[in-house]
Amino acid sequence: MTSSSEIEEKELHRLLLLPQTRRGAFEQVVRQYSQQLYWTVRRVVISHDDADDIIQNVWLKAWKNLDHFRQDAHISTWLYRIAVNESLDFLRKKKLQTIFDADDLAGITERLVADNYFDGDHTQQLLQQAIAQLPDVQRMVFTLRYYDEMKYSEMSKLLNTSEGALKASYHIAVKKITDFFNKQN
């Protein structure tokens, strides 16, 4: 069930197709999906500023590609795919896997604590440190499954990989996070 401020998916599809209602419908899409997309991206890239930049790119790409949107797809799936691709492209460009190595745990903690948008406790800081150490794809899979509670079948469509591979990635990520916590004690 949607809230009164949200428009049903089918109605949004219809409004996005019509030139005279496209802009208003797109504004509604932005209102409906901004927060969940932001937090998905944020959990992957860590930094608020980076997540904000990526989300701007997501909305620009979505707007520019409205004519290519398959009307049989869910709007949320289409937006997640753009967000996932933008996040992974960002990580590749910045080569964050080398920044977030074991020697940089103190730096991760400092950035998290200094971030005005982070309000978590010590356990949340440790979880973010553990997630930041994961390889890009494992980080994405863990984030989509743990925080967004996304089904493997939906993730499979987003990431163009099998459900079995996603389940394996998630379980490996959970093991690495568990090991990280065990080393902290």
N, C-alpha and C. Protein backbone atom coordinates (compact mmCIF):
# COMPACT_ATOMS: atom_id res chain seq x y z
N MET A 1 0.85 -1.19 0.00
CA MET A 1 0.00 0.00 0.00
C MET A 1 0.89 1.24 0.00
N THR A 2 0.57 2.20 -0.81
CA THR A 2 1.35 3.42 -0.88
C THR A 2 0.72 4.49 -0.01
N SER A 3 1.53 5.45 0.39
CA SER A 3 0.99 6.56 1.15
C SER A 3 0.25 7.48 0.19
N SER A 4 -0.50 8.41 0.77
CA SER A 4 -1.28 9.32 -0.07
C SER A 4 -0.39 10.19 -0.95
N SER A 5 0.87 10.40 -0.54
CA SER A 5 1.78 11.23 -1.34
C SER A 5 2.45 10.43 -2.46
N GLU A 6 2.34 9.12 -2.40
CA GLU A 6 2.94 8.29 -3.43
C GLU A 6 1.89 7.91 -4.47
N ILE A 7 2.32 7.89 -5.69
CA ILE A 7 1.44 7.51 -6.79
C ILE A 7 1.75 6.06 -7.14
N GLU A 8 0.71 5.30 -7.45
CA GLU A 8 0.89 3.91 -7.84
C GLU A 8 1.84 3.80 -9.03
N GLU A 9 2.57 2.72 -9.07
CA GLU A 9 3.57 2.48 -10.11
C GLU A 9 2.97 2.57 -11.53
N LYS A 10 1.84 1.94 -11.74
CA LYS A 10 1.22 1.96 -13.08
C LYS A 10 0.86 3.38 -13.50
N GLU A 11 0.38 4.15 -12.56
CA GLU A 11 0.01 5.54 -12.87
C GLU A 11 1.26 6.35 -13.19
N LEU A 12 2.34 6.11 -12.44
CA LEU A 12 3.60 6.81 -12.72
C LEU A 12 4.11 6.45 -14.11
N HIS A 13 4.03 5.19 -14.47
CA HIS A 13 4.43 4.76 -15.82
C HIS A 13 3.67 5.57 -16.87
N ARG A 14 2.36 5.64 -16.69
CA ARG A 14 1.51 6.34 -17.66
C ARG A 14 1.89 7.82 -17.73
N LEU A 15 2.09 8.44 -16.59
CA LEU A 15 2.40 9.87 -16.54
C LEU A 15 3.79 10.17 -17.10
N LEU A 16 4.71 9.23 -16.93
CA LEU A 16 6.06 9.43 -17.48
C LEU A 16 6.08 9.37 -19.01
N LEU A 17 5.11 8.69 -19.59
CA LEU A 17 5.04 8.57 -21.04
C LEU A 17 4.51 9.83 -21.73
N LEU A 18 3.67 10.55 -21.04
CA LEU A 18 3.02 11.72 -21.63
C LEU A 18 3.89 12.97 -21.48
N PRO A 19 4.19 13.63 -22.59
CA PRO A 19 5.05 14.82 -22.53
C PRO A 19 4.54 15.90 -21.56
N GLN A 20 3.22 16.08 -21.50
CA GLN A 20 2.68 17.14 -20.66
C GLN A 20 2.71 16.81 -19.16
N THR A 21 2.89 15.54 -18.79
CA THR A 21 2.94 15.16 -17.37
C THR A 21 4.29 14.57 -16.96
N ARG A 22 5.20 14.46 -17.91
CA ARG A 22 6.49 13.81 -17.66
C ARG A 22 7.26 14.46 -16.52
N ARG A 23 7.41 15.77 -16.56
CA ARG A 23 8.21 16.47 -15.54
C ARG A 23 7.62 16.26 -14.14
N GLY A 24 6.32 16.45 -14.00
CA GLY A 24 5.68 16.26 -12.70
C GLY A 24 5.79 14.82 -12.21
N ALA A 25 5.63 13.88 -13.12
CA ALA A 25 5.75 12.46 -12.74
C ALA A 25 7.17 12.14 -12.31
N PHE A 26 8.14 12.72 -13.02
CA PHE A 26 9.53 12.47 -12.65
C PHE A 26 9.84 13.08 -11.28
N GLU A 27 9.30 14.25 -11.01
CA GLU A 27 9.48 14.86 -9.69
C GLU A 27 8.91 13.96 -8.60
N GLN A 28 7.79 13.32 -8.88
CA GLN A 28 7.19 12.38 -7.94
C GLN A 28 8.10 11.16 -7.74
N VAL A 29 8.67 10.66 -8.82
CA VAL A 29 9.62 9.53 -8.73
C VAL A 29 10.79 9.93 -7.83
N VAL A 30 11.32 11.13 -8.03
CA VAL A 30 12.43 11.60 -7.20
C VAL A 30 12.02 11.64 -5.74
N ARG A 31 10.83 12.17 -5.45
CA ARG A 31 10.35 12.23 -4.05
C ARG A 31 10.20 10.82 -3.46
N GLN A 32 9.66 9.90 -4.24
CA GLN A 32 9.39 8.56 -3.73
C GLN A 32 10.65 7.74 -3.50
N TYR A 33 11.67 7.93 -4.31
CA TYR A 33 12.80 7.01 -4.27
C TYR A 33 14.12 7.62 -3.79
N SER A 34 14.16 8.92 -3.59
CA SER A 34 15.43 9.58 -3.24
C SER A 34 16.08 9.02 -1.98
N GLN A 35 15.31 8.92 -0.94
CA GLN A 35 15.89 8.51 0.34
C GLN A 35 16.44 7.09 0.29
N GLN A 36 15.68 6.14 -0.23
CA GLN A 36 16.18 4.77 -0.25
C GLN A 36 17.37 4.61 -1.20
N LEU A 37 17.37 5.32 -2.31
CA LEU A 37 18.53 5.25 -3.21
C LEU A 37 19.75 5.88 -2.56
N TYR A 38 19.54 7.02 -1.89
CA TYR A 38 20.66 7.69 -1.22
C TYR A 38 21.32 6.74 -0.23
N TRP A 39 20.54 6.10 0.63
CA TRP A 39 21.13 5.26 1.66
C TRP A 39 21.77 4.00 1.08
N THR A 40 21.24 3.49 -0.01
CA THR A 40 21.88 2.36 -0.67
C THR A 40 23.26 2.77 -1.16
N VAL A 41 23.33 3.89 -1.84
CA VAL A 41 24.61 4.38 -2.37
C VAL A 41 25.53 4.76 -1.22
N ARG A 42 25.01 5.42 -0.22
CA ARG A 42 25.83 5.90 0.91
C ARG A 42 26.51 4.75 1.63
N ARG A 43 25.79 3.67 1.82
CA ARG A 43 26.37 2.52 2.52
C ARG A 43 27.50 1.88 1.72
N VAL A 44 27.47 2.08 0.43
CA VAL A 44 28.51 1.49 -0.42
C VAL A 44 29.73 2.41 -0.50
N VAL A 45 29.52 3.70 -0.65
CA VAL A 45 30.64 4.62 -0.87
C VAL A 45 31.08 5.34 0.40
N ILE A 46 30.34 5.19 1.50
CA ILE A 46 30.63 5.70 2.83
C ILE A 46 30.40 7.22 2.96
N SER A 47 30.97 8.00 2.11
CA SER A 47 30.95 9.46 2.24
C SER A 47 29.61 10.06 1.79
N HIS A 48 29.09 10.98 2.60
CA HIS A 48 27.86 11.69 2.24
C HIS A 48 28.04 12.46 0.94
N ASP A 49 29.14 13.20 0.83
CA ASP A 49 29.37 14.02 -0.36
C ASP A 49 29.45 13.16 -1.63
N ASP A 50 30.15 12.03 -1.54
CA ASP A 50 30.24 11.13 -2.69
C ASP A 50 28.87 10.56 -3.03
N ALA A 51 28.12 10.14 -2.01
CA ALA A 51 26.78 9.59 -2.25
C ALA A 51 25.88 10.64 -2.88
N ASP A 52 25.99 11.86 -2.39
CA ASP A 52 25.19 12.96 -2.94
C ASP A 52 25.50 13.18 -4.42
N ASP A 53 26.78 13.18 -4.76
CA ASP A 53 27.19 13.35 -6.16
C ASP A 53 26.68 12.20 -7.03
N ILE A 54 26.78 10.99 -6.52
CA ILE A 54 26.33 9.83 -7.28
C ILE A 54 24.82 9.90 -7.50
N ILE A 55 24.08 10.27 -6.47
CA ILE A 55 22.62 10.37 -6.61
C ILE A 55 22.25 11.43 -7.64
N GLN A 56 22.99 12.53 -7.67
CA GLN A 56 22.75 13.55 -8.70
C GLN A 56 22.91 12.93 -10.10
N ASN A 57 23.97 12.13 -10.25
CA ASN A 57 24.20 11.46 -11.54
C ASN A 57 23.09 10.45 -11.86
N VAL A 58 22.60 9.77 -10.84
CA VAL A 58 21.51 8.81 -11.04
C VAL A 58 20.29 9.53 -11.61
N TRP A 59 19.93 10.66 -10.99
CA TRP A 59 18.74 11.38 -11.46
C TRP A 59 18.94 11.96 -12.86
N LEU A 60 20.14 12.44 -13.14
CA LEU A 60 20.42 12.95 -14.48
C LEU A 60 20.30 11.85 -15.52
N LYS A 61 20.90 10.69 -15.24
CA LYS A 61 20.82 9.57 -16.18
C LYS A 61 19.39 9.08 -16.35
N ALA A 62 18.67 9.02 -15.25
CA ALA A 62 17.27 8.56 -15.33
C ALA A 62 16.46 9.52 -16.19
N TRP A 63 16.62 10.81 -15.98
CA TRP A 63 15.87 11.79 -16.77
C TRP A 63 16.22 11.70 -18.25
N LYS A 64 17.53 11.63 -18.53
CA LYS A 64 17.97 11.58 -19.93
C LYS A 64 17.53 10.29 -20.63
N ASN A 65 17.33 9.23 -19.87
CA ASN A 65 17.02 7.93 -20.46
C ASN A 65 15.57 7.50 -20.28
N LEU A 66 14.70 8.43 -19.93
CA LEU A 66 13.29 8.08 -19.76
C LEU A 66 12.70 7.43 -21.01
N ASP A 67 13.12 7.88 -22.17
CA ASP A 67 12.59 7.31 -23.41
C ASP A 67 13.01 5.86 -23.61
N HIS A 68 14.07 5.44 -22.94
CA HIS A 68 14.57 4.07 -23.07
C HIS A 68 14.08 3.17 -21.94
N PHE A 69 13.33 3.73 -21.00
CA PHE A 69 12.81 2.96 -19.88
C PHE A 69 11.80 1.94 -20.39
N ARG A 70 12.06 0.68 -20.08
CA ARG A 70 11.13 -0.38 -20.47
C ARG A 70 9.91 -0.31 -19.56
N GLN A 71 8.78 -0.15 -20.14
CA GLN A 71 7.56 0.03 -19.35
C GLN A 71 7.14 -1.24 -18.60
N ASP A 72 7.72 -2.39 -18.94
CA ASP A 72 7.38 -3.61 -18.22
C ASP A 72 8.23 -3.77 -16.96
N ALA A 73 9.23 -2.92 -16.78
CA ALA A 73 10.11 -2.98 -15.60
C ALA A 73 9.53 -2.11 -14.48
N HIS A 74 9.90 -2.43 -13.26
CA HIS A 74 9.53 -1.58 -12.13
C HIS A 74 10.44 -0.37 -12.12
N ILE A 75 9.88 0.76 -11.79
CA ILE A 75 10.67 2.00 -11.71
C ILE A 75 11.79 1.83 -10.69
N SER A 76 11.48 1.23 -9.55
CA SER A 76 12.49 1.06 -8.50
C SER A 76 13.64 0.19 -8.99
N THR A 77 13.35 -0.88 -9.72
CA THR A 77 14.41 -1.76 -10.24
C THR A 77 15.29 -1.00 -11.21
N TRP A 78 14.69 -0.23 -12.09
CA TRP A 78 15.42 0.57 -13.06
C TRP A 78 16.33 1.58 -12.35
N LEU A 79 15.80 2.25 -11.34
CA LEU A 79 16.59 3.24 -10.60
C LEU A 79 17.72 2.59 -9.81
N TYR A 80 17.43 1.45 -9.18
CA TYR A 80 18.47 0.73 -8.44
C TYR A 80 19.60 0.32 -9.39
N ARG A 81 19.24 -0.13 -10.59
CA ARG A 81 20.27 -0.54 -11.55
C ARG A 81 21.17 0.64 -11.88
N ILE A 82 20.59 1.79 -12.12
CA ILE A 82 21.39 2.99 -12.40
C ILE A 82 22.26 3.32 -11.20
N ALA A 83 21.69 3.28 -10.00
CA ALA A 83 22.44 3.62 -8.78
C ALA A 83 23.58 2.63 -8.53
N VAL A 84 23.30 1.35 -8.72
CA VAL A 84 24.34 0.33 -8.54
C VAL A 84 25.47 0.55 -9.54
N ASN A 85 25.13 0.76 -10.79
CA ASN A 85 26.17 0.98 -11.81
C ASN A 85 26.97 2.25 -11.53
N GLU A 86 26.30 3.31 -11.14
CA GLU A 86 27.01 4.56 -10.81
C GLU A 86 27.93 4.36 -9.60
N SER A 87 27.46 3.63 -8.60
CA SER A 87 28.28 3.38 -7.41
C SER A 87 29.51 2.54 -7.74
N LEU A 88 29.31 1.48 -8.52
CA LEU A 88 30.44 0.63 -8.89
C LEU A 88 31.42 1.38 -9.79
N ASP A 89 30.90 2.21 -10.70
CA ASP A 89 31.79 3.03 -11.53
C ASP A 89 32.60 3.99 -10.67
N PHE A 90 31.94 4.59 -9.69
CA PHE A 90 32.64 5.50 -8.77
C PHE A 90 33.75 4.77 -8.04
N LEU A 91 33.43 3.58 -7.51
CA LEU A 91 34.43 2.81 -6.76
C LEU A 91 35.61 2.43 -7.66
N ARG A 92 35.31 2.07 -8.88
CA ARG A 92 36.39 1.72 -9.81
C ARG A 92 37.27 2.93 -10.08
N LYS A 93 36.65 4.07 -10.33
CA LYS A 93 37.42 5.28 -10.64
C LYS A 93 38.27 5.72 -9.46
N LYS A 94 37.72 5.66 -8.30
CA LYS A 94 38.44 6.11 -7.09
C LYS A 94 39.35 5.04 -6.51
N LYS A 95 39.16 3.82 -7.00
CA LYS A 95 39.96 2.69 -6.50
C LYS A 95 39.93 2.62 -4.98
N LEU A 96 38.73 2.67 -4.44
CA LEU A 96 38.55 2.68 -2.99
C LEU A 96 39.08 1.42 -2.32
N GLN A 97 39.15 0.32 -3.08
CA GLN A 97 39.63 -0.90 -2.45
C GLN A 97 41.06 -0.73 -1.93
N THR A 98 41.85 0.17 -2.54
CA THR A 98 43.20 0.39 -2.04
C THR A 98 43.21 1.39 -0.89
N ILE A 99 42.22 2.27 -0.86
CA ILE A 99 42.14 3.22 0.25
C ILE A 99 41.69 2.52 1.52
N PHE A 100 40.73 1.59 1.38
CA PHE A 100 40.19 0.92 2.54
C PHE A 100 40.92 -0.38 2.83
N ASP A 101 42.22 -0.31 2.99
CA ASP A 101 42.96 -1.52 3.35
C ASP A 101 43.07 -1.60 4.86
N ALA A 102 43.62 -2.67 5.36
CA ALA A 102 43.67 -2.91 6.80
C ALA A 102 44.42 -1.81 7.55
N ASP A 103 45.36 -1.15 6.91
CA ASP A 103 46.12 -0.10 7.57
C ASP A 103 45.32 1.19 7.71
N ASP A 104 44.19 1.30 7.05
CA ASP A 104 43.44 2.55 7.06
C ASP A 104 42.19 2.49 7.95
N LEU A 105 42.09 1.51 8.85
CA LEU A 105 40.92 1.42 9.72
C LEU A 105 40.75 2.67 10.57
N ALA A 106 41.84 3.22 11.05
CA ALA A 106 41.75 4.45 11.86
C ALA A 106 41.18 5.58 11.01
N GLY A 107 41.61 5.66 9.76
CA GLY A 107 41.11 6.70 8.87
C GLY A 107 39.61 6.55 8.60
N ILE A 108 39.15 5.32 8.46
CA ILE A 108 37.72 5.08 8.25
C ILE A 108 36.95 5.56 9.47
N THR A 109 37.41 5.18 10.65
CA THR A 109 36.74 5.59 11.88
C THR A 109 36.70 7.11 12.00
N GLU A 110 37.83 7.75 11.72
CA GLU A 110 37.87 9.21 11.81
C GLU A 110 36.89 9.85 10.84
N ARG A 111 36.83 9.35 9.61
CA ARG A 111 35.90 9.92 8.63
C ARG A 111 34.45 9.70 9.05
N LEU A 112 34.15 8.52 9.60
CA LEU A 112 32.78 8.24 10.04
C LEU A 112 32.38 9.15 11.21
N VAL A 113 33.24 9.25 12.20
CA VAL A 113 32.94 10.06 13.37
C VAL A 113 32.84 11.54 13.00
N ALA A 114 33.68 11.99 12.09
CA ALA A 114 33.68 13.39 11.68
C ALA A 114 32.52 13.73 10.75
N ASP A 115 31.90 12.73 10.16
CA ASP A 115 30.81 12.96 9.22
C ASP A 115 29.57 13.44 9.97
N ASN A 116 29.10 14.63 9.65
CA ASN A 116 27.93 15.20 10.31
C ASN A 116 26.68 14.37 10.10
N TYR A 117 26.64 13.53 9.06
CA TYR A 117 25.46 12.75 8.74
C TYR A 117 25.48 11.37 9.38
N PHE A 118 26.56 11.03 10.08
CA PHE A 118 26.65 9.73 10.73
C PHE A 118 26.29 9.89 12.20
N ASP A 119 25.30 9.15 12.66
CA ASP A 119 24.88 9.27 14.05
C ASP A 119 24.89 7.92 14.77
N GLY A 120 25.66 6.98 14.27
CA GLY A 120 25.70 5.65 14.85
C GLY A 120 26.57 5.56 16.09
N ASP A 121 26.38 4.47 16.83
CA ASP A 121 27.19 4.22 18.01
C ASP A 121 28.47 3.47 17.62
N HIS A 122 29.22 3.03 18.61
CA HIS A 122 30.50 2.36 18.36
C HIS A 122 30.31 1.09 17.52
N THR A 123 29.27 0.31 17.81
CA THR A 123 29.01 -0.91 17.06
C THR A 123 28.73 -0.59 15.60
N GLN A 124 27.97 0.47 15.36
CA GLN A 124 27.66 0.89 14.00
C GLN A 124 28.94 1.34 13.28
N GLN A 125 29.83 2.00 14.00
CA GLN A 125 31.11 2.41 13.42
C GLN A 125 31.92 1.18 13.01
N LEU A 126 31.95 0.18 13.88
CA LEU A 126 32.67 -1.05 13.57
C LEU A 126 32.06 -1.76 12.36
N LEU A 127 30.74 -1.79 12.30
CA LEU A 127 30.08 -2.43 11.16
C LEU A 127 30.45 -1.71 9.87
N GLN A 128 30.45 -0.39 9.90
CA GLN A 128 30.82 0.37 8.70
C GLN A 128 32.28 0.13 8.31
N GLN A 129 33.14 0.00 9.29
CA GLN A 129 34.55 -0.33 9.01
C GLN A 129 34.65 -1.69 8.32
N ALA A 130 33.92 -2.66 8.87
CA ALA A 130 33.94 -4.01 8.31
C ALA A 130 33.40 -4.02 6.88
N ILE A 131 32.32 -3.31 6.65
CA ILE A 131 31.72 -3.25 5.32
C ILE A 131 32.68 -2.56 4.35
N ALA A 132 33.34 -1.51 4.80
CA ALA A 132 34.26 -0.77 3.94
C ALA A 132 35.42 -1.63 3.46
N GLN A 133 35.78 -2.66 4.21
CA GLN A 133 36.88 -3.54 3.83
C GLN A 133 36.48 -4.57 2.78
N LEU A 134 35.20 -4.74 2.56
CA LEU A 134 34.74 -5.74 1.60
C LEU A 134 35.08 -5.31 0.18
N PRO A 135 35.34 -6.26 -0.70
CA PRO A 135 35.48 -5.92 -2.13
C PRO A 135 34.18 -5.28 -2.63
N ASP A 136 34.28 -4.52 -3.69
CA ASP A 136 33.15 -3.72 -4.19
C ASP A 136 31.85 -4.52 -4.34
N VAL A 137 31.92 -5.64 -5.03
CA VAL A 137 30.70 -6.40 -5.31
C VAL A 137 30.13 -6.97 -4.02
N GLN A 138 30.97 -7.50 -3.14
CA GLN A 138 30.47 -8.02 -1.87
C GLN A 138 29.84 -6.90 -1.04
N ARG A 139 30.45 -5.74 -1.07
CA ARG A 139 29.90 -4.59 -0.34
C ARG A 139 28.51 -4.24 -0.90
N MET A 140 28.38 -4.24 -2.22
CA MET A 140 27.10 -3.92 -2.83
C MET A 140 26.06 -4.97 -2.48
N VAL A 141 26.41 -6.24 -2.61
CA VAL A 141 25.47 -7.33 -2.31
C VAL A 141 25.06 -7.28 -0.85
N PHE A 142 26.02 -7.10 0.05
CA PHE A 142 25.71 -7.04 1.47
C PHE A 142 24.77 -5.88 1.76
N THR A 143 25.05 -4.73 1.19
CA THR A 143 24.23 -3.53 1.42
C THR A 143 22.80 -3.74 0.93
N LEU A 144 22.67 -4.25 -0.29
CA LEU A 144 21.33 -4.45 -0.85
C LEU A 144 20.54 -5.49 -0.05
N ARG A 145 21.20 -6.52 0.43
CA ARG A 145 20.51 -7.58 1.16
C ARG A 145 20.25 -7.19 2.61
N TYR A 146 21.27 -6.71 3.30
CA TYR A 146 21.17 -6.44 4.74
C TYR A 146 20.33 -5.20 5.02
N TYR A 147 20.64 -4.11 4.39
CA TYR A 147 19.95 -2.85 4.68
C TYR A 147 18.65 -2.70 3.90
N ASP A 148 18.66 -3.04 2.62
CA ASP A 148 17.47 -2.84 1.78
C ASP A 148 16.57 -4.06 1.73
N GLU A 149 17.03 -5.17 2.33
CA GLU A 149 16.27 -6.42 2.37
C GLU A 149 15.80 -6.84 0.97
N MET A 150 16.67 -6.61 0.00
CA MET A 150 16.33 -6.94 -1.38
C MET A 150 16.45 -8.45 -1.60
N LYS A 151 15.51 -8.99 -2.35
CA LYS A 151 15.53 -10.41 -2.66
C LYS A 151 16.65 -10.70 -3.65
N TYR A 152 17.19 -11.91 -3.57
CA TYR A 152 18.27 -12.30 -4.48
C TYR A 152 17.80 -12.26 -5.94
N SER A 153 16.54 -12.60 -6.18
CA SER A 153 16.03 -12.58 -7.55
C SER A 153 16.07 -11.16 -8.13
N GLU A 154 15.74 -10.17 -7.30
CA GLU A 154 15.78 -8.79 -7.76
C GLU A 154 17.23 -8.32 -7.94
N MET A 155 18.10 -8.71 -7.00
CA MET A 155 19.51 -8.36 -7.12
C MET A 155 20.12 -8.97 -8.38
N SER A 156 19.68 -10.18 -8.70
CA SER A 156 20.19 -10.86 -9.88
C SER A 156 19.94 -10.04 -11.13
N LYS A 157 18.78 -9.43 -11.22
CA LYS A 157 18.45 -8.58 -12.35
C LYS A 157 19.31 -7.31 -12.36
N LEU A 158 19.53 -6.75 -11.18
CA LEU A 158 20.31 -5.52 -11.08
C LEU A 158 21.76 -5.72 -11.45
N LEU A 159 22.34 -6.80 -10.94
CA LEU A 159 23.78 -7.01 -11.07
C LEU A 159 24.15 -7.97 -12.20
N ASN A 160 23.14 -8.46 -12.91
CA ASN A 160 23.38 -9.38 -14.04
C ASN A 160 24.22 -10.58 -13.64
N THR A 161 23.83 -11.22 -12.56
CA THR A 161 24.54 -12.42 -12.12
C THR A 161 23.53 -13.39 -11.50
N SER A 162 23.96 -14.60 -11.28
CA SER A 162 23.04 -15.62 -10.77
C SER A 162 22.74 -15.41 -9.29
N GLU A 163 21.59 -15.93 -8.90
CA GLU A 163 21.21 -15.85 -7.49
C GLU A 163 22.21 -16.63 -6.63
N GLY A 164 22.69 -17.75 -7.14
CA GLY A 164 23.67 -18.55 -6.39
C GLY A 164 24.95 -17.78 -6.12
N ALA A 165 25.43 -17.05 -7.12
CA ALA A 165 26.64 -16.24 -6.94
C ALA A 165 26.40 -15.13 -5.93
N LEU A 166 25.21 -14.56 -5.95
CA LEU A 166 24.88 -13.49 -5.00
C LEU A 166 24.80 -14.02 -3.58
N LYS A 167 24.18 -15.19 -3.42
CA LYS A 167 24.10 -15.81 -2.10
C LYS A 167 25.49 -16.11 -1.57
N ALA A 168 26.35 -16.61 -2.43
CA ALA A 168 27.73 -16.90 -2.03
C ALA A 168 28.44 -15.61 -1.62
N SER A 169 28.29 -14.56 -2.41
CA SER A 169 28.92 -13.27 -2.08
C SER A 169 28.43 -12.75 -0.75
N TYR A 170 27.13 -12.85 -0.52
CA TYR A 170 26.56 -12.36 0.73
C TYR A 170 27.11 -13.14 1.92
N HIS A 171 27.13 -14.46 1.80
CA HIS A 171 27.61 -15.28 2.92
C HIS A 171 29.10 -15.08 3.18
N ILE A 172 29.87 -14.89 2.14
CA ILE A 172 31.30 -14.58 2.32
C ILE A 172 31.45 -13.23 3.01
N ALA A 173 30.64 -12.25 2.59
CA ALA A 173 30.69 -10.93 3.23
C ALA A 173 30.33 -11.02 4.70
N VAL A 174 29.28 -11.77 5.02
CA VAL A 174 28.87 -11.94 6.42
C VAL A 174 29.99 -12.59 7.23
N LYS A 175 30.65 -13.59 6.65
CA LYS A 175 31.76 -14.25 7.34
C LYS A 175 32.90 -13.26 7.59
N LYS A 176 33.23 -12.46 6.61
CA LYS A 176 34.30 -11.48 6.77
C LYS A 176 33.93 -10.45 7.84
N ILE A 177 32.68 -10.03 7.86
CA ILE A 177 32.24 -9.07 8.87
C ILE A 177 32.27 -9.69 10.25
N THR A 178 31.82 -10.95 10.35
CA THR A 178 31.87 -11.67 11.63
C THR A 178 33.31 -11.81 12.11
N ASP A 179 34.20 -12.19 11.22
CA ASP A 179 35.63 -12.29 11.56
C ASP A 179 36.18 -10.96 12.03
N PHE A 180 35.78 -9.88 11.36
CA PHE A 180 36.24 -8.55 11.74
C PHE A 180 35.81 -8.26 13.18
N PHE A 181 34.54 -8.53 13.50
CA PHE A 181 34.04 -8.28 14.87
C PHE A 181 34.74 -9.16 15.89
N ASN A 182 35.00 -10.42 15.52
CA ASN A 182 35.70 -11.33 16.44
C ASN A 182 37.11 -10.83 16.76
N LYS A 183 37.77 -10.22 15.77
CA LYS A 183 39.12 -9.68 15.99
C LYS A 183 39.08 -8.44 16.87
N GLN A 184 37.95 -7.75 16.92
CA GLN A 184 37.83 -6.54 17.73
C GLN A 184 37.69 -6.86 19.22
N ASN A 185 37.26 -8.08 19.52
CA ASN A 185 37.04 -8.45 20.93
C ASN A 185 38.27 -9.02 21.56
